Each structure stands twice: as C-alpha cells, then as structure tokens.
PDB file of all heavy atoms in Angstrom:
ATOM      1  N   GLN A   1       0.823  -1.203   0.000  1.00  0.00           N
ATOM      2  CA  GLN A   1       0.000   0.000   0.000  1.00  0.00           C
ATOM      3  C   GLN A   1       0.860   1.256   0.000  1.00  0.00           C
ATOM      4  O   GLN A   1       0.524   2.247  -0.653  1.00  0.00           O
ATOM      5  CB  GLN A   1      -0.975   0.027   1.191  1.00  0.00           C
ATOM      6  CG  GLN A   1      -1.948   1.195   1.064  1.00  0.00           C
ATOM      7  CD  GLN A   1      -3.084   1.180   2.043  1.00  0.00           C
ATOM      8  OE1 GLN A   1      -2.962   0.677   3.149  1.00  0.00           O
ATOM      9  NE2 GLN A   1      -4.221   1.737   1.654  1.00  0.00           N
ATOM     10  N   ILE A   2       1.978   1.206   0.691  1.00  0.00           N
ATOM     11  CA  ILE A   2       2.911   2.335   0.657  1.00  0.00           C
ATOM     12  C   ILE A   2       3.403   2.566  -0.770  1.00  0.00           C
ATOM     13  O   ILE A   2       3.494   3.710  -1.240  1.00  0.00           O
ATOM     14  CB  ILE A   2       4.078   2.091   1.623  1.00  0.00           C
ATOM     15  CG1 ILE A   2       3.586   2.216   3.080  1.00  0.00           C
ATOM     16  CG2 ILE A   2       5.231   3.061   1.359  1.00  0.00           C
ATOM     17  CD1 ILE A   2       4.574   1.717   4.111  1.00  0.00           C
ATOM     18  N   THR A   3       3.696   1.493  -1.482  1.00  0.00           N
ATOM     19  CA  THR A   3       4.139   1.605  -2.872  1.00  0.00           C
ATOM     20  C   THR A   3       3.072   2.263  -3.744  1.00  0.00           C
ATOM     21  O   THR A   3       3.365   3.156  -4.548  1.00  0.00           O
ATOM     22  CB  THR A   3       4.467   0.207  -3.432  1.00  0.00           C
ATOM     23  OG1 THR A   3       5.506  -0.379  -2.668  1.00  0.00           O
ATOM     24  CG2 THR A   3       4.884   0.266  -4.887  1.00  0.00           C
ATOM     25  N   VAL A   4       1.833   1.813  -3.584  1.00  0.00           N
ATOM     26  CA  VAL A   4       0.736   2.378  -4.359  1.00  0.00           C
ATOM     27  C   VAL A   4       0.541   3.858  -4.001  1.00  0.00           C
ATOM     28  O   VAL A   4       0.311   4.701  -4.875  1.00  0.00           O
ATOM     29  CB  VAL A   4      -0.552   1.569  -4.134  1.00  0.00           C
ATOM     30  CG1 VAL A   4      -1.726   2.194  -4.879  1.00  0.00           C
ATOM     31  CG2 VAL A   4      -0.363   0.127  -4.583  1.00  0.00           C
ATOM     32  N   CYS A   5       0.642   4.166  -2.715  1.00  0.00           N
ATOM     33  CA  CYS A   5       0.542   5.566  -2.287  1.00  0.00           C
ATOM     34  C   CYS A   5       1.651   6.414  -2.900  1.00  0.00           C
ATOM     35  O   CYS A   5       1.400   7.528  -3.395  1.00  0.00           O
ATOM     36  CB  CYS A   5       0.624   5.656  -0.760  1.00  0.00           C
ATOM     37  SG  CYS A   5      -0.833   5.039   0.119  1.00  0.00           S
ATOM     38  N   ASN A   6       2.872   5.908  -2.858  1.00  0.00           N
ATOM     39  CA  ASN A   6       3.994   6.663  -3.416  1.00  0.00           C
ATOM     40  C   ASN A   6       3.777   6.993  -4.885  1.00  0.00           C
ATOM     41  O   ASN A   6       4.065   8.109  -5.336  1.00  0.00           O
ATOM     42  CB  ASN A   6       5.293   5.873  -3.252  1.00  0.00           C
ATOM     43  CG  ASN A   6       5.854   5.944  -1.854  1.00  0.00           C
ATOM     44  OD1 ASN A   6       5.514   6.826  -1.067  1.00  0.00           O
ATOM     45  ND2 ASN A   6       6.726   5.005  -1.529  1.00  0.00           N
ATOM     46  N   GLU A   7       3.271   6.022  -5.624  1.00  0.00           N
ATOM     47  CA  GLU A   7       3.030   6.251  -7.043  1.00  0.00           C
ATOM     48  C   GLU A   7       1.983   7.345  -7.243  1.00  0.00           C
ATOM     49  O   GLU A   7       2.146   8.245  -8.063  1.00  0.00           O
ATOM     50  CB  GLU A   7       2.577   4.947  -7.714  1.00  0.00           C
ATOM     51  CG  GLU A   7       2.106   5.088  -9.153  1.00  0.00           C
ATOM     52  CD  GLU A   7       3.189   5.584 -10.095  1.00  0.00           C
ATOM     53  OE1 GLU A   7       4.388   5.520  -9.746  1.00  0.00           O
ATOM     54  OE2 GLU A   7       2.834   6.053 -11.198  1.00  0.00           O
ATOM     55  N   PHE A   8       0.901   7.274  -6.477  1.00  0.00           N
ATOM     56  CA  PHE A   8      -0.140   8.285  -6.610  1.00  0.00           C
ATOM     57  C   PHE A   8       0.374   9.662  -6.195  1.00  0.00           C
ATOM     58  O   PHE A   8       0.110  10.668  -6.865  1.00  0.00           O
ATOM     59  CB  PHE A   8      -1.360   7.916  -5.760  1.00  0.00           C
ATOM     60  CG  PHE A   8      -2.523   8.841  -5.959  1.00  0.00           C
ATOM     61  CD1 PHE A   8      -3.473   8.577  -6.932  1.00  0.00           C
ATOM     62  CD2 PHE A   8      -2.662   9.995  -5.198  1.00  0.00           C
ATOM     63  CE1 PHE A   8      -4.536   9.449  -7.146  1.00  0.00           C
ATOM     64  CE2 PHE A   8      -3.713  10.868  -5.405  1.00  0.00           C
ATOM     65  CZ  PHE A   8      -4.660  10.589  -6.384  1.00  0.00           C
ATOM     66  N   ILE A   9       1.110   9.729  -5.125  1.00  0.00           N
ATOM     67  CA  ILE A   9       1.649  11.002  -4.632  1.00  0.00           C
ATOM     68  C   ILE A   9       2.596  11.609  -5.668  1.00  0.00           C
ATOM     69  O   ILE A   9       2.580  12.825  -5.919  1.00  0.00           O
ATOM     70  CB  ILE A   9       2.366  10.784  -3.282  1.00  0.00           C
ATOM     71  CG1 ILE A   9       1.332  10.387  -2.210  1.00  0.00           C
ATOM     72  CG2 ILE A   9       3.123  12.028  -2.841  1.00  0.00           C
ATOM     73  CD1 ILE A   9       1.949   9.777  -0.969  1.00  0.00           C
ATOM     74  N   ARG A  10       3.392  10.772  -6.267  1.00  0.00           N
ATOM     75  CA  ARG A  10       4.330  11.244  -7.287  1.00  0.00           C
ATOM     76  C   ARG A  10       3.589  11.836  -8.488  1.00  0.00           C
ATOM     77  O   ARG A  10       4.004  12.853  -9.053  1.00  0.00           O
ATOM     78  CB  ARG A  10       5.214  10.071  -7.738  1.00  0.00           C
ATOM     79  CG  ARG A  10       6.318  10.429  -8.707  1.00  0.00           C
ATOM     80  CD  ARG A  10       7.133   9.199  -9.094  1.00  0.00           C
ATOM     81  NE  ARG A  10       7.877   8.672  -7.956  1.00  0.00           N
ATOM     82  CZ  ARG A  10       7.633   7.498  -7.357  1.00  0.00           C
ATOM     83  NH1 ARG A  10       6.646   6.725  -7.805  1.00  0.00           N
ATOM     84  NH2 ARG A  10       8.351   7.095  -6.338  1.00  0.00           N
ATOM     85  N   GLU A  11       2.487  11.192  -8.860  1.00  0.00           N
ATOM     86  CA  GLU A  11       1.735  11.628 -10.045  1.00  0.00           C
ATOM     87  C   GLU A  11       0.790  12.792  -9.762  1.00  0.00           C
ATOM     88  O   GLU A  11       0.145  13.297 -10.679  1.00  0.00           O
ATOM     89  CB  GLU A  11       0.943  10.445 -10.613  1.00  0.00           C
ATOM     90  CG  GLU A  11       1.799   9.334 -11.200  1.00  0.00           C
ATOM     91  CD  GLU A  11       2.545   9.758 -12.456  1.00  0.00           C
ATOM     92  OE1 GLU A  11       2.134  10.759 -13.087  1.00  0.00           O
ATOM     93  OE2 GLU A  11       3.538   9.096 -12.812  1.00  0.00           O
ATOM     94  N   SER A  12       0.684  13.196  -8.491  1.00  0.00           N
ATOM     95  CA  SER A  12      -0.242  14.282  -8.167  1.00  0.00           C
ATOM     96  C   SER A  12       0.469  15.473  -7.542  1.00  0.00           C
ATOM     97  O   SER A  12      -0.124  16.246  -6.791  1.00  0.00           O
ATOM     98  CB  SER A  12      -1.339  13.768  -7.219  1.00  0.00           C
ATOM     99  OG  SER A  12      -0.763  13.159  -6.072  1.00  0.00           O
ATOM    100  N   SER A  13       1.745  15.616  -7.861  1.00  0.00           N
ATOM    101  CA  SER A  13       2.482  16.791  -7.392  1.00  0.00           C
ATOM    102  C   SER A  13       1.917  18.055  -8.038  1.00  0.00           C
ATOM    103  O   SER A  13       1.236  18.007  -9.073  1.00  0.00           O
ATOM    104  CB  SER A  13       3.960  16.659  -7.747  1.00  0.00           C
ATOM    105  OG  SER A  13       4.133  16.693  -9.155  1.00  0.00           O
ATOM    106  N   ASP A  14       2.209  19.186  -7.442  1.00  0.00           N
ATOM    107  CA  ASP A  14       1.740  20.449  -8.018  1.00  0.00           C
ATOM    108  C   ASP A  14       2.220  20.614  -9.455  1.00  0.00           C
ATOM    109  O   ASP A  14       1.475  21.089 -10.327  1.00  0.00           O
ATOM    110  CB  ASP A  14       2.233  21.625  -7.168  1.00  0.00           C
ATOM    111  CG  ASP A  14       1.518  21.730  -5.838  1.00  0.00           C
ATOM    112  OD1 ASP A  14       0.478  21.073  -5.669  1.00  0.00           O
ATOM    113  OD2 ASP A  14       2.012  22.460  -4.959  1.00  0.00           O
ATOM    114  N   ALA A  15       3.465  20.208  -9.701  1.00  0.00           N
ATOM    115  CA  ALA A  15       4.022  20.355 -11.048  1.00  0.00           C
ATOM    116  C   ALA A  15       3.246  19.511 -12.056  1.00  0.00           C
ATOM    117  O   ALA A  15       2.946  19.971 -13.173  1.00  0.00           O
ATOM    118  CB  ALA A  15       5.500  19.964 -11.049  1.00  0.00           C
ATOM    119  N   LYS A  16       2.914  18.272 -11.689  1.00  0.00           N
ATOM    120  CA  LYS A  16       2.212  17.401 -12.633  1.00  0.00           C
ATOM    121  C   LYS A  16       0.756  17.838 -12.807  1.00  0.00           C
ATOM    122  O   LYS A  16       0.193  17.725 -13.907  1.00  0.00           O
ATOM    123  CB  LYS A  16       2.300  15.950 -12.166  1.00  0.00           C
ATOM    124  CG  LYS A  16       3.712  15.392 -12.266  1.00  0.00           C
ATOM    125  CD  LYS A  16       3.734  13.923 -12.597  1.00  0.00           C
ATOM    126  CE  LYS A  16       5.159  13.478 -12.918  1.00  0.00           C
ATOM    127  NZ  LYS A  16       5.247  12.076 -13.354  1.00  0.00           N
ATOM    128  N   ILE A  17       0.149  18.326 -11.743  1.00  0.00           N
ATOM    129  CA  ILE A  17      -1.219  18.835 -11.866  1.00  0.00           C
ATOM    130  C   ILE A  17      -1.244  20.005 -12.861  1.00  0.00           C
ATOM    131  O   ILE A  17      -2.111  20.074 -13.744  1.00  0.00           O
ATOM    132  CB  ILE A  17      -1.759  19.280 -10.489  1.00  0.00           C
ATOM    133  CG1 ILE A  17      -1.950  18.072  -9.572  1.00  0.00           C
ATOM    134  CG2 ILE A  17      -3.079  20.025 -10.648  1.00  0.00           C
ATOM    135  CD1 ILE A  17      -2.307  18.436  -8.148  1.00  0.00           C
ATOM    136  N   ALA A  18      -0.276  20.902 -12.735  1.00  0.00           N
ATOM    137  CA  ALA A  18      -0.215  22.055 -13.637  1.00  0.00           C
ATOM    138  C   ALA A  18       0.117  21.629 -15.060  1.00  0.00           C
ATOM    139  O   ALA A  18      -0.483  22.125 -16.028  1.00  0.00           O
ATOM    140  CB  ALA A  18       0.819  23.053 -13.118  1.00  0.00           C
ATOM    141  N   ALA A  19       1.089  20.700 -15.193  1.00  0.00           N
ATOM    142  CA  ALA A  19       1.504  20.267 -16.525  1.00  0.00           C
ATOM    143  C   ALA A  19       0.366  19.577 -17.275  1.00  0.00           C
ATOM    144  O   ALA A  19       0.304  19.635 -18.513  1.00  0.00           O
ATOM    145  CB  ALA A  19       2.697  19.320 -16.417  1.00  0.00           C
ATOM    146  N   ARG A  20      -0.536  18.948 -16.549  1.00  0.00           N
ATOM    147  CA  ARG A  20      -1.649  18.247 -17.183  1.00  0.00           C
ATOM    148  C   ARG A  20      -2.867  19.148 -17.371  1.00  0.00           C
ATOM    149  O   ARG A  20      -3.917  18.694 -17.813  1.00  0.00           O
ATOM    150  CB  ARG A  20      -2.005  17.007 -16.374  1.00  0.00           C
ATOM    151  CG  ARG A  20      -0.938  15.918 -16.496  1.00  0.00           C
ATOM    152  CD  ARG A  20      -1.100  14.799 -15.494  1.00  0.00           C
ATOM    153  NE  ARG A  20      -0.075  13.771 -15.724  1.00  0.00           N
ATOM    154  CZ  ARG A  20       0.410  12.970 -14.792  1.00  0.00           C
ATOM    155  NH1 ARG A  20      -0.019  13.067 -13.531  1.00  0.00           N
ATOM    156  NH2 ARG A  20       1.343  12.088 -15.089  1.00  0.00           N
ATOM    157  N   GLY A  21      -2.714  20.407 -17.016  1.00  0.00           N
ATOM    158  CA  GLY A  21      -3.735  21.394 -17.321  1.00  0.00           C
ATOM    159  C   GLY A  21      -4.894  21.474 -16.350  1.00  0.00           C
ATOM    160  O   GLY A  21      -5.928  22.059 -16.680  1.00  0.00           O
ATOM    161  N   PHE A  22      -4.739  20.917 -15.168  1.00  0.00           N
ATOM    162  CA  PHE A  22      -5.832  20.980 -14.200  1.00  0.00           C
ATOM    163  C   PHE A  22      -5.803  22.315 -13.455  1.00  0.00           C
ATOM    164  O   PHE A  22      -4.752  22.775 -12.997  1.00  0.00           O
ATOM    165  CB  PHE A  22      -5.726  19.836 -13.186  1.00  0.00           C
ATOM    166  CG  PHE A  22      -5.918  18.472 -13.792  1.00  0.00           C
ATOM    167  CD1 PHE A  22      -4.826  17.634 -13.990  1.00  0.00           C
ATOM    168  CD2 PHE A  22      -7.179  18.039 -14.164  1.00  0.00           C
ATOM    169  CE1 PHE A  22      -4.985  16.381 -14.555  1.00  0.00           C
ATOM    170  CE2 PHE A  22      -7.355  16.780 -14.728  1.00  0.00           C
ATOM    171  CZ  PHE A  22      -6.255  15.946 -14.930  1.00  0.00           C
ATOM    172  N   THR A  23      -6.946  22.916 -13.323  1.00  0.00           N
ATOM    173  CA  THR A  23      -7.076  24.182 -12.601  1.00  0.00           C
ATOM    174  C   THR A  23      -8.363  24.150 -11.791  1.00  0.00           C
ATOM    175  O   THR A  23      -9.185  23.238 -11.922  1.00  0.00           O
ATOM    176  CB  THR A  23      -7.116  25.381 -13.568  1.00  0.00           C
ATOM    177  OG1 THR A  23      -8.238  25.222 -14.453  1.00  0.00           O
ATOM    178  CG2 THR A  23      -5.822  25.499 -14.369  1.00  0.00           C
ATOM    179  N   GLY A  24      -8.546  25.158 -10.972  1.00  0.00           N
ATOM    180  CA  GLY A  24      -9.806  25.337 -10.261  1.00  0.00           C
ATOM    181  C   GLY A  24     -10.178  24.172  -9.369  1.00  0.00           C
ATOM    182  O   GLY A  24      -9.339  23.587  -8.676  1.00  0.00           O
ATOM    183  N   ALA A  25     -11.451  23.811  -9.405  1.00  0.00           N
ATOM    184  CA  ALA A  25     -11.983  22.769  -8.526  1.00  0.00           C
ATOM    185  C   ALA A  25     -11.316  21.422  -8.772  1.00  0.00           C
ATOM    186  O   ALA A  25     -11.082  20.653  -7.825  1.00  0.00           O
ATOM    187  CB  ALA A  25     -13.490  22.658  -8.709  1.00  0.00           C
ATOM    188  N   GLU A  26     -11.000  21.116 -10.039  1.00  0.00           N
ATOM    189  CA  GLU A  26     -10.360  19.835 -10.330  1.00  0.00           C
ATOM    190  C   GLU A  26      -8.979  19.763  -9.683  1.00  0.00           C
ATOM    191  O   GLU A  26      -8.620  18.744  -9.074  1.00  0.00           O
ATOM    192  CB  GLU A  26     -10.249  19.624 -11.839  1.00  0.00           C
ATOM    193  CG  GLU A  26     -11.569  19.298 -12.507  1.00  0.00           C
ATOM    194  CD  GLU A  26     -11.406  18.970 -13.972  1.00  0.00           C
ATOM    195  OE1 GLU A  26     -10.387  19.379 -14.580  1.00  0.00           O
ATOM    196  OE2 GLU A  26     -12.302  18.281 -14.516  1.00  0.00           O
ATOM    197  N   ALA A  27      -8.207  20.809  -9.784  1.00  0.00           N
ATOM    198  CA  ALA A  27      -6.885  20.831  -9.172  1.00  0.00           C
ATOM    199  C   ALA A  27      -6.997  20.725  -7.653  1.00  0.00           C
ATOM    200  O   ALA A  27      -6.210  20.013  -7.003  1.00  0.00           O
ATOM    201  CB  ALA A  27      -6.139  22.102  -9.556  1.00  0.00           C
ATOM    202  N   THR A  28      -7.965  21.412  -7.085  1.00  0.00           N
ATOM    203  CA  THR A  28      -8.173  21.351  -5.635  1.00  0.00           C
ATOM    204  C   THR A  28      -8.533  19.937  -5.198  1.00  0.00           C
ATOM    205  O   THR A  28      -8.011  19.433  -4.195  1.00  0.00           O
ATOM    206  CB  THR A  28      -9.282  22.327  -5.205  1.00  0.00           C
ATOM    207  OG1 THR A  28      -8.878  23.659  -5.551  1.00  0.00           O
ATOM    208  CG2 THR A  28      -9.539  22.244  -3.713  1.00  0.00           C
ATOM    209  N   ASP A  29      -9.411  19.283  -5.943  1.00  0.00           N
ATOM    210  CA  ASP A  29      -9.801  17.912  -5.600  1.00  0.00           C
ATOM    211  C   ASP A  29      -8.599  16.975  -5.640  1.00  0.00           C
ATOM    212  O   ASP A  29      -8.425  16.132  -4.750  1.00  0.00           O
ATOM    213  CB  ASP A  29     -10.865  17.406  -6.570  1.00  0.00           C
ATOM    214  CG  ASP A  29     -12.235  18.013  -6.306  1.00  0.00           C
ATOM    215  OD1 ASP A  29     -12.434  18.592  -5.213  1.00  0.00           O
ATOM    216  OD2 ASP A  29     -13.108  17.912  -7.202  1.00  0.00           O
ATOM    217  N   ILE A  30      -7.776  17.117  -6.650  1.00  0.00           N
ATOM    218  CA  ILE A  30      -6.610  16.238  -6.778  1.00  0.00           C
ATOM    219  C   ILE A  30      -5.644  16.457  -5.619  1.00  0.00           C
ATOM    220  O   ILE A  30      -5.042  15.507  -5.098  1.00  0.00           O
ATOM    221  CB  ILE A  30      -5.913  16.453  -8.141  1.00  0.00           C
ATOM    222  CG1 ILE A  30      -6.835  15.997  -9.270  1.00  0.00           C
ATOM    223  CG2 ILE A  30      -4.587  15.694  -8.203  1.00  0.00           C
ATOM    224  CD1 ILE A  30      -6.372  16.406 -10.656  1.00  0.00           C
TER     225      ILE A  30
END
C-alpha cells in the first residue's frame, strides 16, 4: 500500500497537476 501511495503522490504533485492542465476545482480535488 505504501508503494501504491507513493506512485499516486508522485503523479499528483503540483508540477504534474499544472503540466496536465488541471485548474480550479479539479486541481483542488486532486
């Protein structure tokens, strides 16, 4: 579970959220 968490955390960094174009409520939810 730690491994799965690490992968999700890595993919949901501020940089990746911005690079994938998420803003507003979607970015906040992520």
